[in-house]
Amino acid sequence: MFIKSKKFISASALIFISVLFLWSQPDEENKVDIFFTSSINGNLDGCECVAVPRAGLVSTGVYLRQRDLSDSILVDLGDFMDVYPDDLLADNIFHVFSELNYDLLSLGDQEFTEGLDYLLEKAELYPFINNSLRINGSLISDSPVIIEREGRRIGFASIIDPQVFYFHPANIKEALVVEDINEASDRLLSELDNMDTQARVLLFHGPSNKAEALFQDDEAWDFVLFAHDQKLHQENDGGNRYIASPGDNGNRVGRATIYFDGDNVERIDGDFIYFDYMEDPRDPVIKKRLDLYKKEMIARLQGD
């Protein structure tokens, strides 16, 4: 019945419907993509382990290397280092992050695995961000970070929850002063009020229930992207706000797209891309670095 009725639609009506359809579609040229990873847990390589599969940066790197740098931002939400000390592995992960053009590395608790001196040295060289943690009296980031893409200013702030340091050794905890997460959120939103941003992103490292509470309580955040307990999570609040966590072992890359209407956020879409160590291609540049890491590690173990 519907098919037959199409012949009675006038040409002017068809034009109106076409214009209405085009008007309702998001402008693909008026957007910014935010890619995000988390809980890589030192997995430069992956593992075909059935119980706990791990894709590794060697797999996700293929995808991340293809992104358009002009209209996208790439961030990690923390815990990219292993839980066990391995400075050679950590060095290689930092090199890969640089090769993949990560824009921000939000500080997680596992980034303290190699000790304070190692972390502070890397913080001078790589784009770490954290606005709520003082290490020996100093902040990693004095203020939120503004990244410009497609003429839009996206504001990023990073908060870490004190709870994540519960099992850390005393010498680490004694060097840290962690701001209350709600006080930090209010303070950082106030700072962003004066920074002329078109979108605001909170990078949170802590339990998922606290991330969800921040998302609900502080509606001025357009995004809350979080990590730590490795729970896969995604919620789109009416298409205008977005909260997400990519889950465990770096197996997923999150992608959130902000569509703009002028300088206002029109809509936010988000999804995850899952990677399989056994099936997905491996990045040749990262694989070469991985092979060199393995050779050097064998040499270390042999005492050469």
Protein backbone atom coordinates (compact mmCIF):
# COMPACT_ATOMS: atom_id res chain seq x y z
CA MET A 1 0.00 0.00 0.00
CA PHE A 2 2.77 2.43 0.91
CA ILE A 3 4.65 1.67 -2.32
CA LYS A 4 1.58 2.44 -4.42
CA SER A 5 0.97 5.71 -2.63
CA LYS A 6 4.41 7.09 -3.56
CA LYS A 7 3.20 8.05 -7.08
CA PHE A 8 0.79 10.60 -5.56
CA ILE A 9 3.55 12.62 -3.86
CA SER A 10 4.12 15.88 -5.70
CA ALA A 11 7.53 17.03 -6.90
CA SER A 12 7.49 19.96 -4.47
CA ALA A 13 6.72 17.61 -1.60
CA LEU A 14 9.64 15.40 -2.60
CA ILE A 15 11.96 18.41 -2.63
CA PHE A 16 10.73 19.44 0.83
CA ILE A 17 11.26 15.93 2.21
CA SER A 18 14.76 15.75 0.69
CA VAL A 19 15.75 19.10 2.18
CA LEU A 20 14.32 18.09 5.56
CA PHE A 21 16.28 14.82 5.46
CA LEU A 22 19.54 16.55 4.58
CA TRP A 23 18.98 19.22 7.21
CA SER A 24 18.47 16.56 9.88
CA GLN A 25 21.70 14.73 9.08
CA PRO A 26 24.88 15.65 11.00
CA ASP A 27 27.46 17.59 9.00
CA GLU A 28 30.36 15.20 8.44
CA GLU A 29 32.65 18.18 7.83
CA ASN A 30 31.64 19.86 11.08
CA LYS A 31 32.82 17.30 13.60
CA VAL A 32 35.69 16.23 15.83
CA ASP A 33 36.53 12.62 16.71
CA ILE A 34 37.94 11.70 20.12
CA PHE A 35 39.65 8.30 20.17
CA PHE A 36 40.41 6.83 23.59
CA THR A 37 42.19 3.80 25.02
CA SER A 38 42.73 2.52 28.55
CA SER A 39 44.02 -0.32 30.73
CA ILE A 40 46.58 -1.47 28.18
CA ASN A 41 48.39 -3.05 31.16
CA GLY A 42 51.76 -3.23 29.44
CA ASN A 43 50.39 -5.16 26.46
CA LEU A 44 52.70 -3.99 23.73
CA ASP A 45 52.24 -7.48 22.31
CA GLY A 46 49.00 -9.42 22.62
CA CYS A 47 48.12 -12.92 23.71
CA GLU A 48 45.85 -15.62 22.31
CA CYS A 49 44.96 -16.58 25.90
CA VAL A 50 41.40 -17.94 25.85
CA ALA A 51 40.51 -16.88 29.40
CA VAL A 52 41.96 -13.36 29.21
CA PRO A 53 42.45 -12.31 25.56
CA ARG A 54 44.72 -9.34 24.91
CA ALA A 55 44.99 -7.58 21.57
CA GLY A 56 48.05 -5.46 22.38
CA LEU A 57 49.18 -2.18 20.86
CA VAL A 58 50.63 -4.20 17.99
CA SER A 59 47.01 -4.80 16.87
CA THR A 60 45.25 -1.58 17.86
CA GLY A 61 48.12 0.45 16.41
CA VAL A 62 47.08 -0.50 12.86
CA TYR A 63 43.75 1.24 13.38
CA LEU A 64 45.06 4.22 15.37
CA ARG A 65 47.73 5.00 12.78
CA GLN A 66 45.03 5.54 10.14
CA ARG A 67 43.11 8.29 11.92
CA ASP A 68 42.90 11.76 10.41
CA LEU A 69 45.09 13.95 12.63
CA SER A 70 43.41 17.14 11.41
CA ASP A 71 40.00 16.44 12.93
CA SER A 72 40.70 13.92 15.70
CA ILE A 73 42.20 13.70 19.18
CA LEU A 74 43.75 10.58 20.73
CA VAL A 75 43.95 10.11 24.51
CA ASP A 76 44.79 7.31 26.92
CA LEU A 77 42.92 7.08 30.21
CA GLY A 78 45.68 5.46 32.24
CA ASP A 79 47.08 2.11 33.38
CA PHE A 80 49.02 1.64 30.17
CA MET A 81 52.09 0.41 32.09
CA ASP A 82 52.38 -3.11 33.48
CA VAL A 83 51.70 -3.82 37.14
CA TYR A 84 55.22 -5.28 37.40
CA PRO A 85 58.37 -3.20 36.90
CA ASP A 86 59.87 -3.43 33.40
CA ASP A 87 61.56 -0.20 32.36
CA LEU A 88 62.45 -1.56 28.91
CA LEU A 89 58.82 -2.41 28.17
CA ALA A 90 57.67 0.95 29.54
CA ASP A 91 60.21 2.80 27.35
CA ASN A 92 58.92 0.99 24.28
CA ILE A 93 55.29 1.77 25.08
CA PHE A 94 56.15 5.45 25.38
CA HIS A 95 57.89 5.32 22.01
CA VAL A 96 54.84 3.69 20.42
CA PHE A 97 52.53 6.31 21.94
CA SER A 98 54.72 8.96 20.35
CA GLU A 99 54.68 7.19 16.97
CA LEU A 100 50.88 6.94 17.11
CA ASN A 101 50.59 10.67 17.93
CA TYR A 102 48.80 10.41 21.26
CA ASP A 103 47.69 13.89 22.29
CA LEU A 104 47.18 13.25 26.02
CA LEU A 105 48.14 10.57 28.54
CA SER A 106 45.86 10.76 31.57
CA LEU A 107 47.72 9.59 34.65
CA GLY A 108 46.73 6.24 36.16
CA ASP A 109 48.02 4.47 39.25
CA GLN A 110 50.01 1.88 37.26
CA GLU A 111 52.14 4.66 35.81
CA PHE A 112 53.91 4.66 39.21
CA THR A 113 55.17 1.09 38.72
CA GLU A 114 58.70 2.22 37.85
CA GLY A 115 58.84 4.70 40.72
CA LEU A 116 58.51 8.46 41.10
CA ASP A 117 61.76 9.45 39.42
CA TYR A 118 60.94 7.48 36.27
CA LEU A 119 57.42 8.92 36.08
CA LEU A 120 58.53 12.51 36.61
CA GLU A 121 61.22 12.11 33.96
CA LYS A 122 58.66 10.86 31.43
CA ALA A 123 56.21 13.61 32.40
CA GLU A 124 58.76 16.11 31.09
CA LEU A 125 58.90 14.35 27.72
CA TYR A 126 55.36 13.13 27.03
CA PRO A 127 51.89 14.78 27.14
CA PHE A 128 50.77 13.64 30.59
CA ILE A 129 47.74 15.32 32.12
CA ASN A 130 46.45 15.29 35.68
CA ASN A 131 44.93 18.23 37.52
CA SER A 132 44.13 16.78 40.95
CA LEU A 133 47.32 15.06 42.09
CA ARG A 134 50.37 16.70 43.62
CA ILE A 135 53.65 14.76 43.55
CA ASN A 136 56.14 16.15 46.03
CA GLY A 137 54.05 19.29 46.14
CA SER A 138 53.76 19.86 42.37
CA LEU A 139 50.92 19.26 39.93
CA ILE A 140 51.49 17.31 36.72
CA SER A 141 49.21 19.86 34.99
CA ASP A 142 48.62 23.33 36.39
CA SER A 143 45.41 23.83 34.38
CA PRO A 144 43.14 22.05 31.88
CA VAL A 145 44.54 21.47 28.40
CA ILE A 146 42.92 23.00 25.32
CA ILE A 147 43.24 21.15 22.01
CA GLU A 148 42.03 22.88 18.84
CA ARG A 149 40.56 20.91 15.95
CA GLU A 150 38.47 22.19 13.04
CA GLY A 151 38.39 25.64 14.62
CA ARG A 152 36.90 24.25 17.86
CA ARG A 153 38.53 24.41 21.28
CA ILE A 154 38.08 21.17 23.23
CA GLY A 155 38.92 21.44 26.93
CA PHE A 156 40.41 18.43 28.74
CA ALA A 157 40.83 17.99 32.48
CA SER A 158 42.05 14.93 34.37
CA ILE A 159 41.13 13.73 37.86
CA ILE A 160 42.38 10.67 39.75
CA ASP A 161 40.63 9.13 42.74
CA PRO A 162 42.67 8.63 45.97
CA GLN A 163 41.28 5.11 46.32
CA VAL A 164 43.40 3.79 43.42
CA PHE A 165 46.58 4.18 45.49
CA TYR A 166 45.37 1.96 48.33
CA PHE A 167 47.84 -0.88 47.62
CA HIS A 168 50.79 1.30 46.65
CA PRO A 169 53.94 1.26 48.83
CA ALA A 170 54.30 3.84 51.57
CA ASN A 171 57.10 5.76 49.84
CA ILE A 172 54.77 6.45 46.89
CA LYS A 173 51.73 7.41 48.97
CA GLU A 174 53.78 9.71 51.20
CA ALA A 175 54.79 11.75 48.15
CA LEU A 176 51.20 12.22 46.96
CA VAL A 177 48.44 14.65 47.86
CA VAL A 178 45.19 13.86 46.05
CA GLU A 179 42.39 16.42 45.85
CA ASP A 180 38.79 15.37 46.58
CA ILE A 181 37.28 14.42 43.22
CA ASN A 182 34.13 16.54 43.60
CA GLU A 183 36.08 19.61 44.67
CA ALA A 184 38.47 19.06 41.76
CA SER A 185 35.57 18.73 39.32
CA ASP A 186 33.99 22.00 40.48
CA ARG A 187 37.32 23.82 40.38
CA LEU A 188 38.22 22.60 36.90
CA LEU A 189 34.81 23.46 35.46
CA SER A 190 35.23 26.95 36.89
CA GLU A 191 38.63 27.23 35.20
CA LEU A 192 37.18 26.01 31.90
CA ASP A 193 34.50 28.73 32.13
CA ASN A 194 37.28 31.24 31.44
CA MET A 195 38.99 29.30 28.64
CA ASP A 196 36.53 29.74 25.72
CA THR A 197 35.85 26.06 25.01
CA GLN A 198 33.19 24.53 22.76
CA ALA A 199 33.28 21.14 24.53
CA ARG A 200 34.52 19.88 27.90
CA VAL A 201 35.99 16.45 28.51
CA LEU A 202 36.78 14.95 31.92
CA LEU A 203 39.35 12.14 31.92
CA PHE A 204 38.73 10.28 35.16
CA HIS A 205 40.83 7.49 36.66
CA GLY A 206 38.96 5.67 39.39
CA PRO A 207 36.03 3.35 40.14
CA SER A 208 33.17 3.30 37.66
CA ASN A 209 30.53 4.22 40.25
CA LYS A 210 32.38 7.45 41.04
CA ALA A 211 32.75 8.24 37.33
CA GLU A 212 29.01 7.81 36.88
CA ALA A 213 28.32 10.05 39.89
CA LEU A 214 30.51 12.81 38.45
CA PHE A 215 28.70 12.48 35.12
CA GLN A 216 25.30 12.83 36.79
CA ASP A 217 26.25 15.55 39.27
CA ASP A 218 28.29 17.87 37.02
CA GLU A 219 26.26 18.23 33.84
CA ALA A 220 28.67 20.84 32.49
CA TRP A 221 30.94 17.96 31.42
CA ASP A 222 30.07 16.99 27.84
CA PHE A 223 32.16 13.84 28.25
CA VAL A 224 33.35 11.69 31.12
CA LEU A 225 35.86 9.12 29.83
CA PHE A 226 37.15 6.84 32.56
CA ALA A 227 39.32 3.85 33.41
CA HIS A 228 40.70 1.76 36.28
CA ASP A 229 38.36 -1.11 37.14
CA GLN A 230 38.33 -2.28 33.50
CA LYS A 231 34.55 -2.37 33.16
CA LEU A 232 33.14 -1.83 29.69
CA HIS A 233 30.66 1.03 29.91
CA GLN A 234 28.83 3.36 27.53
CA GLU A 235 25.95 5.76 28.04
CA ASN A 236 24.70 8.53 25.80
CA ASP A 237 22.53 11.00 27.68
CA GLY A 238 20.01 12.05 25.04
CA GLY A 239 22.75 12.40 22.44
CA ASN A 240 24.08 15.54 24.14
CA ARG A 241 26.44 14.04 26.76
CA TYR A 242 28.53 10.89 26.79
CA ILE A 243 30.22 8.65 29.37
CA ALA A 244 32.33 5.63 28.47
CA SER A 245 35.11 3.25 29.46
CA PRO A 246 36.76 0.85 26.97
CA GLY A 247 37.03 -2.09 29.36
CA ASP A 248 39.87 -4.55 29.96
CA ASN A 249 43.38 -5.09 28.64
CA GLY A 250 43.29 -2.48 25.89
CA ASN A 251 41.20 -4.72 23.63
CA ARG A 252 38.94 -1.88 22.55
CA VAL A 253 39.47 1.56 21.13
CA GLY A 254 36.69 4.01 21.91
CA ARG A 255 35.57 6.57 19.36
CA ALA A 256 33.31 9.48 20.25
CA THR A 257 32.25 11.97 17.60
CA ILE A 258 31.17 15.51 18.44
CA TYR A 259 28.92 17.11 15.81
CA PHE A 260 28.79 20.89 16.03
CA ASP A 261 26.14 23.41 15.08
CA GLY A 262 28.21 26.54 14.89
CA ASP A 263 30.05 26.65 18.22
CA ASN A 264 27.50 24.50 20.03
CA VAL A 265 27.57 20.74 20.51
CA GLU A 266 24.70 19.43 18.39
CA ARG A 267 25.11 15.73 19.07
CA ILE A 268 27.57 13.16 20.41
CA ASP A 269 27.83 9.62 19.03
CA GLY A 270 30.09 6.90 20.42
CA ASP A 271 31.11 3.31 19.85
CA PHE A 272 33.92 0.79 20.45
CA ILE A 273 36.14 -1.11 18.05
CA TYR A 274 37.16 -4.53 19.36
CA PHE A 275 40.48 -6.09 18.32
CA ASP A 276 41.43 -9.76 18.20
CA TYR A 277 45.09 -10.73 18.53
CA MET A 278 44.62 -13.85 16.39
CA GLU A 279 42.58 -12.31 13.58
CA ASP A 280 43.47 -8.62 13.23
CA PRO A 281 46.58 -7.42 11.35
CA ARG A 282 49.71 -6.44 13.27
CA ASP A 283 51.40 -3.09 12.83
CA PRO A 284 54.81 -3.71 11.17
CA VAL A 285 56.54 -0.77 12.87
CA ILE A 286 55.35 -1.80 16.32
CA LYS A 287 56.14 -5.44 15.58
CA LYS A 288 59.73 -4.50 14.74
CA ARG A 289 60.03 -2.59 18.01
CA LEU A 290 58.49 -5.56 19.81
CA ASP A 291 61.02 -7.96 18.29
CA LEU A 292 63.89 -5.72 19.40
CA TYR A 293 62.43 -5.53 22.90
CA LYS A 294 62.31 -9.32 23.13
CA LYS A 295 65.90 -9.67 21.95
CA GLU A 296 67.14 -7.11 24.47
CA MET A 297 65.15 -8.72 27.26
CA ILE A 298 66.67 -12.12 26.45
CA ALA A 299 70.10 -10.53 26.49
CA ARG A 300 69.38 -8.99 29.91
CA LEU A 301 68.23 -12.33 31.31
CA GLN A 302 71.38 -14.00 29.97
CA GLY A 303 73.50 -11.32 31.61
CA ASP A 304 74.98 -10.00 28.35
